[in-house]
Amino acid sequence: MGFFAKDIKSMDDLFVHTLQDIYYAEKKIAKALPDMVKKASNAELKKGFETHLGETQNHIARVEEVFRMHGAQAKAVECPAIDGIIEEAEEIAGDVDDPRVLDAALIAAGQAVEHYEMTRYGTLVAWAKELGRDDCAKVLQQNLDEEKATDQKLTKLAVGTVNMQAAE
């Protein structure tokens, strides 16, 4: 089903479809993070990915909660965007031999994922409010806030140490 599939006839349909999209993305990310933990050599980066794996499990649970609150079935629809981001990250990581450069590449990949998630959650929060579902918006906002915090941590780590080490 394409993003603007024929079964999307209303803002509510669009909201649910996008919720299904982020549900798929979060599950895909949860599967990819353990590999990122293994590949990271920087201890702080490794710990950050481990922490974010736990957060991602919470994000999945919150999305499932929003499905229930909204009276929709929790199901995922394929998300070519997150598939592409993760595939690209795996390809680049497979081409890097220097562990310090690999850490920089892993941060870049992690931030690409975070930025995708932030766009989806930002949109879902806005749509939930527009649909009069402040309860759903509040739950989705928690995920958005955590995604933003992770992005900031990755930036701090990249700029503070990892990028400099990779450039040596």
N, C-alpha and C. Protein backbone atom coordinates (compact mmCIF):
# COMPACT_ATOMS: atom_id res chain seq x y z
N MET A 1 0.85 -1.16 0.00
CA MET A 1 0.00 0.00 0.00
C MET A 1 0.90 1.23 0.00
N GLY A 2 0.66 2.15 -0.90
CA GLY A 2 1.40 3.39 -0.95
C GLY A 2 0.95 4.32 0.16
N PHE A 3 1.72 5.35 0.40
CA PHE A 3 1.40 6.26 1.51
C PHE A 3 0.02 6.88 1.33
N PHE A 4 -0.32 7.29 0.13
CA PHE A 4 -1.63 7.88 -0.11
C PHE A 4 -2.55 6.85 -0.76
N ALA A 5 -2.75 5.76 -0.05
CA ALA A 5 -3.56 4.66 -0.56
C ALA A 5 -5.03 5.07 -0.61
N LYS A 6 -5.77 4.34 -1.41
CA LYS A 6 -7.19 4.63 -1.61
C LYS A 6 -8.01 4.47 -0.34
N ASP A 7 -7.52 3.67 0.61
CA ASP A 7 -8.30 3.47 1.83
C ASP A 7 -8.14 4.62 2.83
N ILE A 8 -7.35 5.61 2.50
CA ILE A 8 -7.22 6.79 3.34
C ILE A 8 -8.18 7.85 2.80
N LYS A 9 -9.28 8.01 3.52
CA LYS A 9 -10.33 8.92 3.06
C LYS A 9 -10.52 10.12 4.00
N SER A 10 -9.95 10.03 5.18
CA SER A 10 -10.15 11.08 6.16
C SER A 10 -8.87 11.34 6.94
N MET A 11 -8.87 12.43 7.71
CA MET A 11 -7.73 12.74 8.57
C MET A 11 -7.54 11.63 9.59
N ASP A 12 -8.63 11.07 10.07
CA ASP A 12 -8.53 9.96 11.01
C ASP A 12 -7.84 8.76 10.37
N ASP A 13 -8.21 8.44 9.13
CA ASP A 13 -7.55 7.35 8.41
C ASP A 13 -6.05 7.62 8.25
N LEU A 14 -5.74 8.86 7.93
CA LEU A 14 -4.34 9.25 7.75
C LEU A 14 -3.57 9.13 9.06
N PHE A 15 -4.20 9.54 10.15
CA PHE A 15 -3.59 9.43 11.47
C PHE A 15 -3.28 7.97 11.79
N VAL A 16 -4.25 7.10 11.60
CA VAL A 16 -4.06 5.68 11.91
C VAL A 16 -2.98 5.08 11.00
N HIS A 17 -3.01 5.43 9.72
CA HIS A 17 -1.99 4.90 8.80
C HIS A 17 -0.59 5.33 9.24
N THR A 18 -0.44 6.58 9.63
CA THR A 18 0.88 7.07 10.05
C THR A 18 1.28 6.44 11.37
N LEU A 19 0.32 6.16 12.23
CA LEU A 19 0.60 5.43 13.47
C LEU A 19 1.10 4.02 13.14
N GLN A 20 0.49 3.40 12.14
CA GLN A 20 0.94 2.06 11.70
C GLN A 20 2.36 2.13 11.12
N ASP A 21 2.66 3.21 10.44
CA ASP A 21 3.99 3.44 9.87
C ASP A 21 5.04 3.53 10.96
N ILE A 22 4.78 4.35 11.99
CA ILE A 22 5.78 4.51 13.06
C ILE A 22 5.87 3.24 13.90
N TYR A 23 4.79 2.49 13.98
CA TYR A 23 4.80 1.21 14.70
C TYR A 23 5.77 0.25 14.00
N TYR A 24 5.68 0.17 12.69
CA TYR A 24 6.60 -0.65 11.91
C TYR A 24 8.03 -0.16 12.12
N ALA A 25 8.21 1.16 12.03
CA ALA A 25 9.55 1.74 12.15
C ALA A 25 10.16 1.42 13.51
N GLU A 26 9.39 1.61 14.57
CA GLU A 26 9.92 1.34 15.91
C GLU A 26 10.32 -0.13 16.07
N LYS A 27 9.50 -1.03 15.54
CA LYS A 27 9.84 -2.46 15.64
C LYS A 27 11.10 -2.77 14.84
N LYS A 28 11.24 -2.15 13.69
CA LYS A 28 12.43 -2.36 12.85
C LYS A 28 13.68 -1.82 13.56
N ILE A 29 13.54 -0.67 14.18
CA ILE A 29 14.64 -0.05 14.92
C ILE A 29 15.05 -0.94 16.09
N ALA A 30 14.07 -1.48 16.79
CA ALA A 30 14.35 -2.37 17.92
C ALA A 30 15.18 -3.58 17.48
N LYS A 31 14.95 -4.04 16.26
CA LYS A 31 15.72 -5.17 15.73
C LYS A 31 17.13 -4.75 15.31
N ALA A 32 17.28 -3.51 14.86
CA ALA A 32 18.58 -3.02 14.36
C ALA A 32 19.52 -2.57 15.48
N LEU A 33 18.98 -2.08 16.58
CA LEU A 33 19.82 -1.52 17.63
C LEU A 33 20.82 -2.51 18.25
N PRO A 34 20.47 -3.76 18.50
CA PRO A 34 21.48 -4.67 19.07
C PRO A 34 22.72 -4.80 18.18
N ASP A 35 22.54 -4.76 16.87
CA ASP A 35 23.68 -4.82 15.95
C ASP A 35 24.53 -3.55 16.08
N MET A 36 23.87 -2.42 16.26
CA MET A 36 24.61 -1.16 16.43
C MET A 36 25.39 -1.18 17.74
N VAL A 37 24.82 -1.76 18.77
CA VAL A 37 25.52 -1.89 20.05
C VAL A 37 26.79 -2.72 19.85
N LYS A 38 26.67 -3.84 19.14
CA LYS A 38 27.82 -4.71 18.90
C LYS A 38 28.92 -4.01 18.09
N LYS A 39 28.53 -3.22 17.11
CA LYS A 39 29.50 -2.57 16.22
C LYS A 39 30.18 -1.37 16.86
N ALA A 40 29.54 -0.72 17.81
CA ALA A 40 30.11 0.48 18.42
C ALA A 40 31.33 0.11 19.27
N SER A 41 32.39 0.90 19.14
CA SER A 41 33.57 0.66 19.97
C SER A 41 33.67 1.69 21.10
N ASN A 42 33.09 2.86 20.92
CA ASN A 42 33.09 3.89 21.95
C ASN A 42 32.12 3.45 23.06
N ALA A 43 32.61 3.38 24.29
CA ALA A 43 31.81 2.88 25.41
C ALA A 43 30.55 3.72 25.64
N GLU A 44 30.67 5.04 25.52
CA GLU A 44 29.52 5.91 25.73
C GLU A 44 28.47 5.71 24.63
N LEU A 45 28.93 5.52 23.40
CA LEU A 45 28.03 5.28 22.28
C LEU A 45 27.32 3.94 22.46
N LYS A 46 28.08 2.92 22.83
CA LYS A 46 27.51 1.59 23.06
C LYS A 46 26.41 1.67 24.14
N LYS A 47 26.72 2.36 25.24
CA LYS A 47 25.75 2.51 26.33
C LYS A 47 24.53 3.30 25.86
N GLY A 48 24.76 4.33 25.06
CA GLY A 48 23.65 5.12 24.55
C GLY A 48 22.71 4.30 23.68
N PHE A 49 23.28 3.46 22.82
CA PHE A 49 22.44 2.60 21.98
C PHE A 49 21.66 1.59 22.84
N GLU A 50 22.32 1.05 23.88
CA GLU A 50 21.63 0.11 24.78
C GLU A 50 20.47 0.80 25.48
N THR A 51 20.71 2.02 25.96
CA THR A 51 19.65 2.79 26.62
C THR A 51 18.50 3.06 25.66
N HIS A 52 18.86 3.42 24.43
CA HIS A 52 17.82 3.74 23.46
C HIS A 52 17.02 2.51 23.04
N LEU A 53 17.62 1.34 23.12
CA LEU A 53 16.88 0.11 22.84
C LEU A 53 15.74 -0.04 23.86
N GLY A 54 16.05 0.21 25.13
CA GLY A 54 15.01 0.17 26.16
C GLY A 54 13.93 1.22 25.91
N GLU A 55 14.35 2.42 25.51
CA GLU A 55 13.38 3.47 25.19
C GLU A 55 12.51 3.07 24.00
N THR A 56 13.13 2.44 23.02
CA THR A 56 12.39 2.02 21.83
C THR A 56 11.32 1.00 22.19
N GLN A 57 11.64 0.10 23.11
CA GLN A 57 10.61 -0.85 23.58
C GLN A 57 9.45 -0.10 24.24
N ASN A 58 9.78 0.96 24.99
CA ASN A 58 8.73 1.79 25.59
C ASN A 58 7.94 2.53 24.51
N HIS A 59 8.61 2.97 23.45
CA HIS A 59 7.92 3.67 22.36
C HIS A 59 6.90 2.73 21.70
N ILE A 60 7.30 1.50 21.50
CA ILE A 60 6.40 0.51 20.91
C ILE A 60 5.17 0.34 21.80
N ALA A 61 5.40 0.22 23.10
CA ALA A 61 4.29 0.05 24.04
C ALA A 61 3.38 1.28 24.03
N ARG A 62 3.96 2.46 23.94
CA ARG A 62 3.13 3.67 23.91
C ARG A 62 2.32 3.76 22.62
N VAL A 63 2.93 3.39 21.49
CA VAL A 63 2.19 3.40 20.23
C VAL A 63 1.03 2.41 20.32
N GLU A 64 1.28 1.24 20.90
CA GLU A 64 0.19 0.27 21.09
C GLU A 64 -0.90 0.86 21.98
N GLU A 65 -0.50 1.63 22.99
CA GLU A 65 -1.48 2.28 23.87
C GLU A 65 -2.32 3.28 23.07
N VAL A 66 -1.69 4.04 22.18
CA VAL A 66 -2.43 5.01 21.36
C VAL A 66 -3.41 4.29 20.43
N PHE A 67 -2.98 3.17 19.86
CA PHE A 67 -3.91 2.38 19.04
C PHE A 67 -5.15 2.04 19.87
N ARG A 68 -4.94 1.52 21.09
CA ARG A 68 -6.06 1.13 21.96
C ARG A 68 -6.93 2.35 22.29
N MET A 69 -6.30 3.44 22.68
CA MET A 69 -7.03 4.66 23.05
C MET A 69 -7.88 5.16 21.89
N HIS A 70 -7.36 5.00 20.69
CA HIS A 70 -8.03 5.52 19.50
C HIS A 70 -9.03 4.51 18.91
N GLY A 71 -9.05 3.30 19.48
CA GLY A 71 -9.98 2.28 19.01
C GLY A 71 -9.57 1.64 17.69
N ALA A 72 -8.28 1.62 17.44
CA ALA A 72 -7.75 1.02 16.20
C ALA A 72 -6.91 -0.20 16.54
N GLN A 73 -6.85 -1.12 15.60
CA GLN A 73 -6.04 -2.32 15.78
C GLN A 73 -4.56 -1.96 15.65
N ALA A 74 -3.76 -2.47 16.57
CA ALA A 74 -2.31 -2.25 16.51
C ALA A 74 -1.73 -3.14 15.42
N LYS A 75 -1.42 -2.54 14.30
CA LYS A 75 -0.78 -3.29 13.22
C LYS A 75 0.19 -2.36 12.51
N ALA A 76 1.17 -2.96 11.90
CA ALA A 76 2.20 -2.20 11.20
C ALA A 76 1.96 -2.23 9.70
N VAL A 77 2.31 -1.13 9.05
CA VAL A 77 2.36 -1.12 7.59
C VAL A 77 3.81 -0.86 7.20
N GLU A 78 4.23 -1.52 6.17
CA GLU A 78 5.61 -1.39 5.72
C GLU A 78 5.98 0.07 5.54
N CYS A 79 7.18 0.39 5.98
CA CYS A 79 7.69 1.76 5.90
C CYS A 79 8.98 1.75 5.08
N PRO A 80 8.89 2.03 3.78
CA PRO A 80 10.09 2.02 2.95
C PRO A 80 11.14 3.04 3.39
N ALA A 81 10.70 4.12 4.01
CA ALA A 81 11.66 5.15 4.46
C ALA A 81 12.61 4.59 5.52
N ILE A 82 12.07 3.97 6.56
CA ILE A 82 12.94 3.45 7.62
C ILE A 82 13.74 2.26 7.11
N ASP A 83 13.13 1.46 6.22
CA ASP A 83 13.88 0.36 5.62
C ASP A 83 15.11 0.90 4.89
N GLY A 84 14.92 1.98 4.13
CA GLY A 84 16.03 2.57 3.39
C GLY A 84 17.09 3.16 4.28
N ILE A 85 16.68 3.84 5.34
CA ILE A 85 17.64 4.44 6.27
C ILE A 85 18.48 3.34 6.93
N ILE A 86 17.84 2.28 7.37
CA ILE A 86 18.55 1.19 8.04
C ILE A 86 19.43 0.43 7.04
N GLU A 87 18.93 0.21 5.85
CA GLU A 87 19.73 -0.48 4.82
C GLU A 87 20.99 0.33 4.48
N GLU A 88 20.82 1.62 4.32
CA GLU A 88 21.97 2.48 4.02
C GLU A 88 22.98 2.44 5.16
N ALA A 89 22.51 2.48 6.40
CA ALA A 89 23.40 2.43 7.55
C ALA A 89 24.19 1.12 7.58
N GLU A 90 23.51 0.02 7.29
CA GLU A 90 24.18 -1.28 7.27
C GLU A 90 25.23 -1.35 6.18
N GLU A 91 24.92 -0.80 5.01
CA GLU A 91 25.89 -0.78 3.91
C GLU A 91 27.12 0.03 4.26
N ILE A 92 26.92 1.22 4.80
CA ILE A 92 28.05 2.08 5.15
C ILE A 92 28.88 1.43 6.25
N ALA A 93 28.22 0.91 7.28
CA ALA A 93 28.94 0.27 8.39
C ALA A 93 29.76 -0.91 7.90
N GLY A 94 29.25 -1.62 6.90
CA GLY A 94 29.99 -2.76 6.36
C GLY A 94 31.22 -2.37 5.58
N ASP A 95 31.30 -1.10 5.16
CA ASP A 95 32.44 -0.61 4.38
C ASP A 95 33.52 0.06 5.22
N VAL A 96 33.31 0.18 6.54
CA VAL A 96 34.24 0.92 7.39
C VAL A 96 35.07 -0.06 8.21
N ASP A 97 36.40 0.07 8.09
CA ASP A 97 37.29 -0.81 8.84
C ASP A 97 37.75 -0.19 10.16
N ASP A 98 38.00 1.12 10.17
CA ASP A 98 38.49 1.81 11.37
C ASP A 98 37.35 1.95 12.37
N PRO A 99 37.49 1.38 13.57
CA PRO A 99 36.40 1.44 14.55
C PRO A 99 36.01 2.86 14.95
N ARG A 100 36.96 3.79 14.93
CA ARG A 100 36.64 5.18 15.29
C ARG A 100 35.78 5.83 14.20
N VAL A 101 36.09 5.52 12.95
CA VAL A 101 35.28 6.04 11.84
C VAL A 101 33.91 5.35 11.84
N LEU A 102 33.91 4.07 12.19
CA LEU A 102 32.64 3.34 12.28
C LEU A 102 31.73 3.98 13.33
N ASP A 103 32.30 4.39 14.47
CA ASP A 103 31.49 5.05 15.50
C ASP A 103 30.85 6.32 14.95
N ALA A 104 31.61 7.11 14.19
CA ALA A 104 31.06 8.33 13.59
C ALA A 104 29.93 7.98 12.61
N ALA A 105 30.13 6.92 11.84
CA ALA A 105 29.10 6.48 10.90
C ALA A 105 27.85 5.99 11.62
N LEU A 106 28.04 5.29 12.73
CA LEU A 106 26.91 4.80 13.51
C LEU A 106 26.11 5.95 14.11
N ILE A 107 26.80 6.99 14.55
CA ILE A 107 26.09 8.16 15.08
C ILE A 107 25.28 8.82 13.96
N ALA A 108 25.89 8.97 12.80
CA ALA A 108 25.17 9.57 11.68
C ALA A 108 23.93 8.75 11.33
N ALA A 109 24.07 7.44 11.32
CA ALA A 109 22.94 6.56 11.03
C ALA A 109 21.87 6.68 12.11
N GLY A 110 22.31 6.71 13.35
CA GLY A 110 21.38 6.86 14.46
C GLY A 110 20.61 8.16 14.37
N GLN A 111 21.29 9.23 13.97
CA GLN A 111 20.61 10.51 13.85
C GLN A 111 19.65 10.54 12.67
N ALA A 112 19.98 9.85 11.61
CA ALA A 112 19.04 9.76 10.48
C ALA A 112 17.74 9.10 10.94
N VAL A 113 17.88 8.05 11.74
CA VAL A 113 16.71 7.36 12.28
C VAL A 113 15.93 8.29 13.21
N GLU A 114 16.64 8.97 14.11
CA GLU A 114 15.98 9.87 15.06
C GLU A 114 15.22 10.97 14.34
N HIS A 115 15.82 11.52 13.31
CA HIS A 115 15.15 12.61 12.58
C HIS A 115 13.89 12.12 11.88
N TYR A 116 13.94 10.92 11.35
CA TYR A 116 12.73 10.34 10.75
C TYR A 116 11.64 10.19 11.81
N GLU A 117 12.02 9.64 12.95
CA GLU A 117 11.05 9.43 14.01
C GLU A 117 10.49 10.77 14.51
N MET A 118 11.33 11.77 14.63
CA MET A 118 10.85 13.08 15.09
C MET A 118 9.83 13.67 14.12
N THR A 119 10.04 13.49 12.82
CA THR A 119 9.05 14.02 11.87
C THR A 119 7.72 13.28 12.02
N ARG A 120 7.78 11.98 12.17
CA ARG A 120 6.55 11.20 12.30
C ARG A 120 5.81 11.55 13.59
N TYR A 121 6.54 11.56 14.71
CA TYR A 121 5.88 11.85 15.98
C TYR A 121 5.38 13.29 16.04
N GLY A 122 6.12 14.23 15.49
CA GLY A 122 5.66 15.61 15.45
C GLY A 122 4.35 15.74 14.69
N THR A 123 4.29 15.07 13.56
CA THR A 123 3.07 15.06 12.75
C THR A 123 1.92 14.41 13.50
N LEU A 124 2.18 13.26 14.10
CA LEU A 124 1.13 12.54 14.83
C LEU A 124 0.58 13.35 16.01
N VAL A 125 1.47 14.05 16.72
CA VAL A 125 1.02 14.89 17.83
C VAL A 125 0.09 15.98 17.31
N ALA A 126 0.51 16.64 16.24
CA ALA A 126 -0.31 17.72 15.67
C ALA A 126 -1.66 17.19 15.18
N TRP A 127 -1.64 16.06 14.49
CA TRP A 127 -2.89 15.49 13.99
C TRP A 127 -3.81 15.03 15.11
N ALA A 128 -3.22 14.42 16.15
CA ALA A 128 -4.03 13.97 17.28
C ALA A 128 -4.76 15.16 17.90
N LYS A 129 -4.06 16.25 18.07
CA LYS A 129 -4.69 17.46 18.63
C LYS A 129 -5.80 17.96 17.71
N GLU A 130 -5.54 17.96 16.42
CA GLU A 130 -6.52 18.42 15.45
C GLU A 130 -7.77 17.54 15.48
N LEU A 131 -7.58 16.26 15.75
CA LEU A 131 -8.70 15.32 15.82
C LEU A 131 -9.39 15.33 17.19
N GLY A 132 -8.93 16.22 18.07
CA GLY A 132 -9.52 16.30 19.40
C GLY A 132 -9.07 15.19 20.33
N ARG A 133 -7.93 14.60 20.01
CA ARG A 133 -7.39 13.49 20.81
C ARG A 133 -6.16 13.94 21.58
N ASP A 134 -6.37 14.87 22.51
CA ASP A 134 -5.26 15.34 23.33
C ASP A 134 -4.65 14.22 24.16
N ASP A 135 -5.47 13.21 24.51
CA ASP A 135 -4.96 12.07 25.26
C ASP A 135 -3.91 11.31 24.44
N CYS A 136 -4.20 11.09 23.16
CA CYS A 136 -3.23 10.43 22.27
C CYS A 136 -2.00 11.31 22.05
N ALA A 137 -2.25 12.61 21.87
CA ALA A 137 -1.15 13.55 21.64
C ALA A 137 -0.17 13.53 22.81
N LYS A 138 -0.69 13.46 24.02
CA LYS A 138 0.16 13.46 25.21
C LYS A 138 1.09 12.24 25.24
N VAL A 139 0.55 11.10 24.89
CA VAL A 139 1.35 9.86 24.88
C VAL A 139 2.40 9.94 23.76
N LEU A 140 2.00 10.37 22.59
CA LEU A 140 2.93 10.48 21.46
C LEU A 140 4.00 11.53 21.72
N GLN A 141 3.65 12.59 22.45
CA GLN A 141 4.62 13.64 22.80
C GLN A 141 5.76 13.08 23.64
N GLN A 142 5.46 12.10 24.50
CA GLN A 142 6.51 11.47 25.30
C GLN A 142 7.56 10.83 24.38
N ASN A 143 7.09 10.12 23.36
CA ASN A 143 8.03 9.51 22.41
C ASN A 143 8.82 10.58 21.68
N LEU A 144 8.14 11.63 21.23
CA LEU A 144 8.82 12.71 20.52
C LEU A 144 9.90 13.34 21.40
N ASP A 145 9.59 13.60 22.66
CA ASP A 145 10.57 14.20 23.57
C ASP A 145 11.79 13.31 23.75
N GLU A 146 11.57 12.00 23.86
CA GLU A 146 12.70 11.07 24.02
C GLU A 146 13.53 10.98 22.74
N GLU A 147 12.89 11.03 21.58
CA GLU A 147 13.63 11.01 20.31
C GLU A 147 14.51 12.26 20.20
N LYS A 148 13.97 13.40 20.56
CA LYS A 148 14.74 14.65 20.52
C LYS A 148 15.92 14.59 21.48
N ALA A 149 15.69 14.05 22.67
CA ALA A 149 16.77 13.94 23.66
C ALA A 149 17.88 13.01 23.16
N THR A 150 17.50 11.91 22.52
CA THR A 150 18.50 10.99 21.98
C THR A 150 19.31 11.67 20.89
N ASP A 151 18.65 12.41 20.01
CA ASP A 151 19.34 13.14 18.96
C ASP A 151 20.35 14.12 19.56
N GLN A 152 19.95 14.82 20.61
CA GLN A 152 20.86 15.77 21.26
C GLN A 152 22.05 15.07 21.89
N LYS A 153 21.82 13.91 22.50
CA LYS A 153 22.92 13.14 23.10
C LYS A 153 23.89 12.68 22.01
N LEU A 154 23.35 12.22 20.89
CA LEU A 154 24.22 11.78 19.79
C LEU A 154 25.04 12.95 19.24
N THR A 155 24.42 14.10 19.11
CA THR A 155 25.14 15.28 18.63
C THR A 155 26.28 15.63 19.59
N LYS A 156 25.98 15.65 20.88
CA LYS A 156 26.99 15.98 21.89
C LYS A 156 28.16 14.99 21.84
N LEU A 157 27.84 13.73 21.70
CA LEU A 157 28.88 12.70 21.64
C LEU A 157 29.71 12.84 20.36
N ALA A 158 29.04 13.09 19.26
CA ALA A 158 29.75 13.24 17.98
C ALA A 158 30.69 14.44 18.02
N VAL A 159 30.16 15.57 18.41
CA VAL A 159 30.94 16.82 18.42
C VAL A 159 31.99 16.81 19.52
N GLY A 160 31.66 16.20 20.65
CA GLY A 160 32.56 16.20 21.80
C GLY A 160 33.78 15.32 21.65
N THR A 161 33.60 14.13 21.06
CA THR A 161 34.75 13.21 20.98
C THR A 161 34.82 12.38 19.71
N VAL A 162 33.72 11.77 19.34
CA VAL A 162 33.76 10.73 18.29
C VAL A 162 34.25 11.27 16.95
N ASN A 163 33.75 12.41 16.52
CA ASN A 163 34.17 12.93 15.22
C ASN A 163 35.65 13.29 15.22
N MET A 164 36.13 13.86 16.32
CA MET A 164 37.56 14.22 16.41
C MET A 164 38.42 12.96 16.35
N GLN A 165 38.02 11.93 17.07
CA GLN A 165 38.78 10.68 17.07
C GLN A 165 38.76 10.05 15.67
N ALA A 166 37.64 10.13 15.00
CA ALA A 166 37.53 9.54 13.65
C ALA A 166 38.42 10.29 12.66
N ALA A 167 38.62 11.59 12.88
CA ALA A 167 39.41 12.41 11.96
C ALA A 167 40.91 12.25 12.17
N GLU A 168 41.33 11.65 13.28
CA GLU A 168 42.76 11.50 13.57
C GLU A 168 43.44 10.55 12.61
